[in-house]
């Protein structure tokens, strides 16, 4: 077991190089500041970001790298100025742990769009110059501003995926008023993000259609997730029959795919939101202009909307579909994630398995 210093007390699993292979590691967290919360991590969701950065796919990974930004747990200690949390509270941390706290976006509770750049929960450079380390670890120390209250009756394991996958679709759905009952929503792709878009769509009272290139997703879309309709996107007749029939489309697919066929499905003034990261986005200007349509991008969400989402999920009993795994299975989980072999989010049981 590697250690970054003599009295390292935070247990973790880390990648040491571009192979991305994770193994046990020990390091020290920063001392608790007056505005900080120390969190005993119980669960951490597994996101594709964990693949990207453990394997240095963006070229900026700083090793040893401890991934994980869908973090939930229990408050074990609070700083002297902390108002919102007390010891024993259920708490979550998402994709960022710091921001400038002074720009227009931070002031609006949209810290993820901080003008000076927010600090990622892992592989980021914090204000003190240290490299942030994520939730594949036993505990974390975070400024209270970037922590979220998880309702007591909401299962901690289920809350973890909400903090990236959930908020990534919930935030743009609210921004573009996709919570109007009776409107029609198309969801492209049925992974961690797509299945949450279906669940939120149904909770908002929308008529939800899943688009996929894989016929094998039909049964789970309709039966497991409760979508109203499934469309095989490679079937041109099925697609043409839905011309100009959608108010909204959420595109969660990160594989390259054509955009014009989906733009044709939007009603006049319809909105397509892109939350995936294909290598390029290409469509005919007429697809956009002739129907007064909107294409919008989005990443996760600020502190304000994230807390709203957690409260909404508890009130409306919206739960991600998860597969709970021990930390020892993390390498296999990342391999399965690359192959899209998960329904629909892995969650690591840190509390029971990280020893």
Protein backbone atom coordinates (compact mmCIF):
# COMPACT_ATOMS: atom_id res chain seq x y z
CA UNK A 1 0.00 0.00 0.00
CA UNK A 2 1.51 3.33 -1.06
CA UNK A 3 1.51 6.33 1.19
CA UNK A 4 1.99 10.00 0.47
CA UNK A 5 3.25 10.66 3.99
CA UNK A 6 4.03 8.99 7.30
CA UNK A 7 0.73 9.64 9.07
CA UNK A 8 -1.57 9.19 6.09
CA UNK A 9 -5.00 8.21 7.41
CA UNK A 10 -7.23 8.31 4.33
CA UNK A 11 -7.60 4.90 2.70
CA UNK A 12 -8.25 4.91 -1.03
CA UNK A 13 -7.81 3.18 -4.36
CA UNK A 14 -5.74 5.08 -6.89
CA UNK A 15 -4.40 4.83 -10.43
CA UNK A 16 -0.61 5.25 -10.65
CA UNK A 17 -0.23 5.62 -14.43
CA UNK A 18 -2.04 5.65 -17.78
CA UNK A 19 -2.98 1.98 -17.51
CA UNK A 20 -5.70 3.30 -15.18
CA UNK A 21 -5.30 0.23 -12.98
CA UNK A 22 -6.55 0.99 -9.46
CA UNK A 23 -4.93 -0.39 -6.31
CA UNK A 24 -4.87 0.44 -2.57
CA UNK A 25 -3.32 3.76 -1.56
CA UNK A 26 -3.06 5.90 1.57
CA UNK A 27 -2.77 9.68 1.80
CA UNK A 28 -3.59 12.64 4.03
CA UNK A 29 -6.57 14.93 3.62
CA UNK A 30 -6.23 18.61 4.51
CA UNK A 31 -6.91 19.68 8.08
CA UNK A 32 -10.53 20.67 8.79
CA UNK A 33 -11.01 24.41 8.19
CA UNK A 34 -13.61 26.58 9.90
CA UNK A 35 -15.98 26.32 6.89
CA UNK A 36 -15.26 22.66 6.14
CA UNK A 37 -17.20 19.44 6.61
CA UNK A 38 -15.40 16.12 7.12
CA UNK A 39 -17.41 13.30 5.56
CA UNK A 40 -17.13 9.57 6.21
CA UNK A 41 -17.81 8.22 2.72
CA UNK A 42 -20.30 5.36 2.57
CA UNK A 43 -20.79 5.10 -1.23
CA UNK A 44 -19.36 6.48 -4.44
CA UNK A 45 -20.86 6.21 -7.93
CA UNK A 46 -18.74 5.13 -10.90
CA UNK A 47 -18.84 7.64 -13.76
CA UNK A 48 -17.23 7.60 -17.21
CA UNK A 49 -15.11 10.51 -15.99
CA UNK A 50 -13.35 7.93 -13.80
CA UNK A 51 -12.31 6.06 -16.96
CA UNK A 52 -11.22 9.24 -18.75
CA UNK A 53 -8.94 10.55 -16.02
CA UNK A 54 -7.53 7.31 -14.60
CA UNK A 55 -6.36 6.53 -18.16
CA UNK A 56 -5.23 10.08 -18.98
CA UNK A 57 -7.57 10.32 -21.97
CA UNK A 58 -7.61 14.14 -21.64
CA UNK A 59 -3.84 14.34 -21.29
CA UNK A 60 -3.90 16.17 -17.93
CA UNK A 61 -4.05 13.37 -15.33
CA UNK A 62 -1.96 13.86 -12.22
CA UNK A 63 -0.89 10.60 -10.56
CA UNK A 64 -1.48 9.02 -8.15
CA UNK A 65 -5.10 9.72 -9.06
CA UNK A 66 -8.05 8.87 -6.80
CA UNK A 67 -11.24 9.07 -8.91
CA UNK A 68 -14.89 9.40 -7.90
CA UNK A 69 -17.23 12.42 -7.94
CA UNK A 70 -20.59 10.93 -6.95
CA UNK A 71 -19.88 10.90 -3.22
CA UNK A 72 -22.28 10.27 -0.34
CA UNK A 73 -21.74 9.66 3.31
CA UNK A 74 -22.23 10.83 6.87
CA UNK A 75 -20.88 13.99 8.49
CA UNK A 76 -18.17 13.07 11.00
CA UNK A 77 -16.92 16.57 11.92
CA UNK A 78 -17.75 20.20 11.12
CA UNK A 79 -15.73 23.43 11.26
CA UNK A 80 -16.62 26.21 13.68
CA UNK A 81 -18.44 28.34 11.07
CA UNK A 82 -20.50 25.54 9.50
CA UNK A 83 -24.24 26.27 9.71
CA UNK A 84 -25.96 23.82 7.37
CA UNK A 85 -24.66 20.49 8.65
CA UNK A 86 -24.13 18.68 11.93
CA UNK A 87 -22.41 15.44 12.88
CA UNK A 88 -24.47 12.43 11.72
CA UNK A 89 -26.21 14.19 8.80
CA UNK A 90 -26.49 12.43 5.44
CA UNK A 91 -24.49 14.42 2.92
CA UNK A 92 -23.30 14.40 -0.69
CA UNK A 93 -20.52 15.90 -2.81
CA UNK A 94 -20.65 16.13 -6.60
CA UNK A 95 -18.28 17.02 -9.41
CA UNK A 96 -16.69 20.16 -7.93
CA UNK A 97 -15.38 21.24 -4.51
CA UNK A 98 -14.40 24.89 -4.98
CA UNK A 99 -14.98 27.99 -7.09
CA UNK A 100 -14.20 31.72 -6.91
CA UNK A 101 -17.44 32.47 -4.92
CA UNK A 102 -17.44 35.98 -6.35
CA UNK A 103 -18.47 35.92 -10.03
CA UNK A 104 -22.04 36.28 -11.36
CA UNK A 105 -22.38 32.50 -11.75
CA UNK A 106 -21.18 31.67 -8.24
CA UNK A 107 -23.47 34.39 -6.87
CA UNK A 108 -26.40 32.75 -8.68
CA UNK A 109 -25.60 29.29 -7.23
CA UNK A 110 -24.30 28.18 -10.65
CA UNK A 111 -20.78 27.47 -9.41
CA UNK A 112 -20.12 24.83 -12.05
CA UNK A 113 -19.94 27.69 -14.59
CA UNK A 114 -17.62 29.80 -12.36
CA UNK A 115 -15.98 32.49 -14.51
CA UNK A 116 -12.57 31.66 -13.05
CA UNK A 117 -13.14 27.91 -13.30
CA UNK A 118 -14.42 25.57 -10.61
CA UNK A 119 -12.20 23.00 -8.94
CA UNK A 120 -12.96 19.39 -9.87
CA UNK A 121 -13.52 16.92 -7.03
CA UNK A 122 -10.60 14.86 -8.27
CA UNK A 123 -7.56 15.68 -10.41
CA UNK A 124 -8.21 19.38 -9.85
CA UNK A 125 -5.83 21.97 -8.41
CA UNK A 126 -7.29 23.39 -5.19
CA UNK A 127 -6.77 26.92 -3.84
CA UNK A 128 -3.83 25.74 -1.73
CA UNK A 129 -2.11 24.16 -4.75
CA UNK A 130 -2.84 20.55 -3.74
CA UNK A 131 -4.34 18.05 -6.19
CA UNK A 132 -7.88 17.02 -5.27
CA UNK A 133 -8.62 13.35 -4.66
CA UNK A 134 -12.05 11.84 -5.10
CA UNK A 135 -14.50 9.47 -3.53
CA UNK A 136 -12.83 6.08 -3.97
CA UNK A 137 -11.62 6.84 -0.44
CA UNK A 138 -12.63 6.54 3.20
CA UNK A 139 -13.31 10.21 3.90
CA UNK A 140 -13.17 13.69 2.35
CA UNK A 141 -12.95 17.27 3.63
CA UNK A 142 -15.03 19.82 1.66
CA UNK A 143 -16.14 23.44 2.14
CA UNK A 144 -19.78 23.32 3.23
CA UNK A 145 -20.90 25.38 0.22
CA UNK A 146 -20.18 22.43 -2.09
CA UNK A 147 -21.95 19.84 0.05
CA UNK A 148 -25.56 18.72 -0.34
CA UNK A 149 -28.09 17.59 2.19
CA UNK A 150 -29.48 14.14 1.40
CA UNK A 151 -32.97 13.60 2.85
CA UNK A 152 -32.89 11.04 5.68
CA UNK A 153 -35.40 8.72 3.99
CA UNK A 154 -33.46 8.56 0.71
CA UNK A 155 -31.07 5.57 0.43
CA UNK A 156 -27.45 6.75 0.39
CA UNK A 157 -26.41 4.25 -2.32
CA UNK A 158 -29.18 5.54 -4.60
CA UNK A 159 -28.24 9.18 -3.98
CA UNK A 160 -24.68 8.78 -5.30
CA UNK A 161 -25.48 8.70 -9.08
CA UNK A 162 -27.72 11.74 -8.73
CA UNK A 163 -24.66 13.90 -8.05
CA UNK A 164 -23.35 13.61 -11.60
CA UNK A 165 -25.60 11.50 -13.87
CA UNK A 166 -28.81 12.79 -12.28
CA UNK A 167 -27.99 16.49 -12.15
CA UNK A 168 -26.50 16.45 -15.66
CA UNK A 169 -29.96 15.80 -17.10
CA UNK A 170 -32.10 17.44 -14.38
CA UNK A 171 -30.43 20.88 -14.64
CA UNK A 172 -31.10 21.43 -18.37
CA UNK A 173 -34.58 19.93 -18.04
CA UNK A 174 -35.45 22.66 -15.55
CA UNK A 175 -33.60 25.38 -17.46
CA UNK A 176 -35.60 24.63 -20.62
CA UNK A 177 -38.89 24.09 -18.77
CA UNK A 178 -39.13 20.40 -19.58
CA UNK A 179 -41.26 19.90 -16.47
CA UNK A 180 -44.58 20.75 -18.12
CA UNK A 181 -46.95 17.74 -17.88
CA UNK A 182 -48.27 16.49 -21.20
CA UNK A 183 -45.32 17.69 -23.29
CA UNK A 184 -43.25 15.22 -25.31
CA UNK A 185 -39.63 14.27 -24.55
CA UNK A 186 -37.24 12.20 -26.62
CA UNK A 187 -34.20 10.63 -24.92
CA UNK A 188 -31.25 9.57 -27.08
CA UNK A 189 -29.16 6.84 -25.45
CA UNK A 190 -29.99 4.70 -22.44
CA UNK A 191 -26.98 4.66 -20.13
CA UNK A 192 -26.42 6.29 -16.74
CA UNK A 193 -27.62 9.70 -17.96
CA UNK A 194 -30.33 8.49 -20.35
CA UNK A 195 -32.11 6.30 -17.80
CA UNK A 196 -32.25 9.28 -15.40
CA UNK A 197 -33.70 11.49 -18.16
CA UNK A 198 -36.46 8.89 -18.65
CA UNK A 199 -37.15 8.76 -14.90
CA UNK A 200 -37.28 12.55 -14.53
CA UNK A 201 -39.42 12.85 -17.66
CA UNK A 202 -42.00 10.46 -16.22
CA UNK A 203 -41.88 12.21 -12.82
CA UNK A 204 -42.56 15.53 -14.60
CA UNK A 205 -45.58 14.02 -16.39
CA UNK A 206 -44.03 14.01 -19.86
CA UNK A 207 -44.70 11.59 -22.69
CA UNK A 208 -41.28 9.91 -23.01
CA UNK A 209 -39.77 8.17 -26.05
CA UNK A 210 -36.40 6.39 -25.94
CA UNK A 211 -34.24 6.39 -29.08
CA UNK A 212 -31.56 3.73 -29.35
CA UNK A 213 -29.55 1.96 -32.02
CA UNK A 214 -29.95 -1.25 -30.00
CA UNK A 215 -33.22 -3.20 -30.18
CA UNK A 216 -32.18 -5.00 -26.98
CA UNK A 217 -32.97 -1.77 -25.09
CA UNK A 218 -36.67 -1.90 -26.02
CA UNK A 219 -37.89 -4.16 -23.21
CA UNK A 220 -35.97 -2.37 -20.47
CA UNK A 221 -37.05 1.08 -21.78
CA UNK A 222 -40.73 0.20 -21.65
CA UNK A 223 -40.96 -2.27 -18.76
CA UNK A 224 -38.10 -1.40 -16.42
CA UNK A 225 -38.01 2.38 -16.83
CA UNK A 226 -41.60 3.10 -17.81
CA UNK A 227 -40.99 4.95 -21.09
CA UNK A 228 -44.10 5.40 -23.25
CA UNK A 229 -42.43 4.43 -26.52
CA UNK A 230 -39.24 2.96 -27.94
CA UNK A 231 -37.85 3.85 -31.36
CA UNK A 232 -35.01 2.09 -33.15
CA UNK A 233 -33.17 5.15 -34.45
CA UNK A 234 -31.70 3.28 -37.43
CA UNK A 235 -35.24 2.58 -38.74
CA UNK A 236 -35.94 5.48 -41.11
CA UNK A 237 -39.66 4.72 -41.32
CA UNK A 238 -40.11 4.81 -37.55
CA UNK A 239 -38.16 8.09 -37.43
CA UNK A 240 -40.08 9.70 -40.30
CA UNK A 241 -43.41 8.85 -38.66
CA UNK A 242 -42.42 11.08 -35.70
CA UNK A 243 -41.56 14.16 -37.79
CA UNK A 244 -42.17 17.43 -35.89
CA UNK A 245 -43.69 15.71 -32.87
CA UNK A 246 -41.32 16.47 -29.95
CA UNK A 247 -41.17 19.49 -27.69
CA UNK A 248 -37.82 18.42 -26.24
CA UNK A 249 -34.99 15.99 -26.92
CA UNK A 250 -32.15 15.17 -24.52
CA UNK A 251 -29.13 13.71 -26.28
CA UNK A 252 -27.02 11.66 -23.85
CA UNK A 253 -25.07 9.72 -26.51
CA UNK A 254 -21.30 10.22 -26.59
CA UNK A 255 -20.72 8.04 -29.65
CA UNK A 256 -20.76 9.89 -32.98
CA UNK A 257 -24.22 10.09 -34.53
CA UNK A 258 -26.09 12.23 -37.07
CA UNK A 259 -28.05 15.22 -35.73
CA UNK A 260 -30.29 16.20 -38.66
CA UNK A 261 -32.64 13.19 -38.24
CA UNK A 262 -33.30 14.22 -34.62
CA UNK A 263 -33.65 17.93 -35.42
CA UNK A 264 -36.42 16.93 -37.86
CA UNK A 265 -38.35 15.38 -34.96
CA UNK A 266 -38.62 18.66 -33.04
CA UNK A 267 -41.74 20.79 -33.23
CA UNK A 268 -41.42 24.47 -34.11
CA UNK A 269 -39.41 26.14 -31.30
CA UNK A 270 -38.41 22.71 -29.99
CA UNK A 271 -35.24 22.27 -27.93
CA UNK A 272 -32.45 19.68 -28.23
CA UNK A 273 -30.07 19.57 -25.27
CA UNK A 274 -26.71 17.88 -25.68
CA UNK A 275 -25.20 16.40 -22.51
CA UNK A 276 -23.00 13.76 -24.16
CA UNK A 277 -19.61 14.41 -25.74
CA UNK A 278 -19.48 13.09 -29.33
CA UNK A 279 -16.32 14.03 -31.24
CA UNK A 280 -18.28 16.53 -33.36
CA UNK A 281 -21.73 18.08 -33.69
CA UNK A 282 -22.80 18.63 -37.27
CA UNK A 283 -26.17 19.60 -38.72
CA UNK A 284 -27.60 21.58 -41.61
CA UNK A 285 -28.39 25.23 -40.68
CA UNK A 286 -31.86 24.71 -42.18
CA UNK A 287 -32.52 22.05 -39.51
CA UNK A 288 -32.13 24.80 -36.93
CA UNK A 289 -33.40 27.94 -38.63
CA UNK A 290 -36.53 26.79 -40.45
CA UNK A 291 -38.29 25.60 -37.33
CA UNK A 292 -36.95 28.27 -34.95
CA UNK A 293 -35.28 25.44 -33.02
CA UNK A 294 -32.73 25.57 -30.22
CA UNK A 295 -29.67 23.41 -29.63
CA UNK A 296 -28.20 23.83 -26.16
CA UNK A 297 -25.35 22.25 -24.23
CA UNK A 298 -25.10 21.49 -20.54
CA UNK A 299 -22.85 19.87 -17.97
CA UNK A 300 -23.75 19.10 -14.33
CA UNK A 301 -25.40 21.77 -12.18
CA UNK A 302 -24.77 24.45 -9.57
CA UNK A 303 -25.39 24.02 -5.86
CA UNK A 304 -28.88 25.51 -5.96
CA UNK A 305 -30.36 23.21 -8.62
CA UNK A 306 -28.50 20.16 -7.26
CA UNK A 307 -30.13 20.52 -3.86
CA UNK A 308 -33.51 21.06 -5.55
CA UNK A 309 -33.01 17.81 -7.49
CA UNK A 310 -32.15 15.79 -4.38
CA UNK A 311 -35.28 17.10 -2.62
CA UNK A 312 -37.37 16.39 -5.74
CA UNK A 313 -36.09 12.79 -5.95
CA UNK A 314 -36.94 12.16 -2.30
CA UNK A 315 -40.41 13.73 -2.61
CA UNK A 316 -41.29 11.89 -5.84
CA UNK A 317 -39.48 8.63 -5.07
CA UNK A 318 -37.20 8.85 -8.11
CA UNK A 319 -34.38 6.30 -7.75
CA UNK A 320 -31.55 5.44 -10.18
CA UNK A 321 -31.14 1.80 -11.14
CA UNK A 322 -27.85 0.77 -9.55
CA UNK A 323 -25.51 -2.18 -9.16
CA UNK A 324 -23.71 -2.01 -5.80
CA UNK A 325 -20.14 -3.35 -5.86
CA UNK A 326 -17.18 -3.65 -3.47
CA UNK A 327 -14.08 -1.49 -4.06
CA UNK A 328 -12.15 -4.63 -5.08
CA UNK A 329 -14.39 -4.81 -8.16
CA UNK A 330 -13.59 -1.24 -9.30
CA UNK A 331 -11.23 -2.24 -12.13
CA UNK A 332 -13.75 -4.72 -13.56
CA UNK A 333 -16.50 -2.12 -13.20
CA UNK A 334 -14.55 0.39 -15.29
CA UNK A 335 -13.96 -2.27 -17.97
CA UNK A 336 -17.67 -3.10 -17.99
CA UNK A 337 -18.54 0.61 -18.15
CA UNK A 338 -16.43 0.96 -21.31
CA UNK A 339 -18.42 -1.94 -22.79
CA UNK A 340 -21.70 -0.35 -21.61
CA UNK A 341 -22.37 -3.47 -19.58
CA UNK A 342 -24.17 -1.91 -16.61
CA UNK A 343 -27.79 -1.17 -15.73
CA UNK A 344 -27.36 1.69 -15.21
CA UNK A 345 -24.81 2.90 -12.66
CA UNK A 346 -22.22 1.14 -10.54
CA UNK A 347 -22.06 2.33 -6.94
CA UNK A 348 -19.11 1.33 -4.76
CA UNK A 349 -19.98 0.36 -1.19
CA UNK A 350 -17.03 2.16 0.38
CA UNK A 351 -18.22 1.69 3.95
CA UNK A 352 -18.35 -2.10 3.81
CA UNK A 353 -15.45 -2.86 1.47
CA UNK A 354 -12.67 -0.27 1.87
CA UNK A 355 -10.56 -1.58 4.75
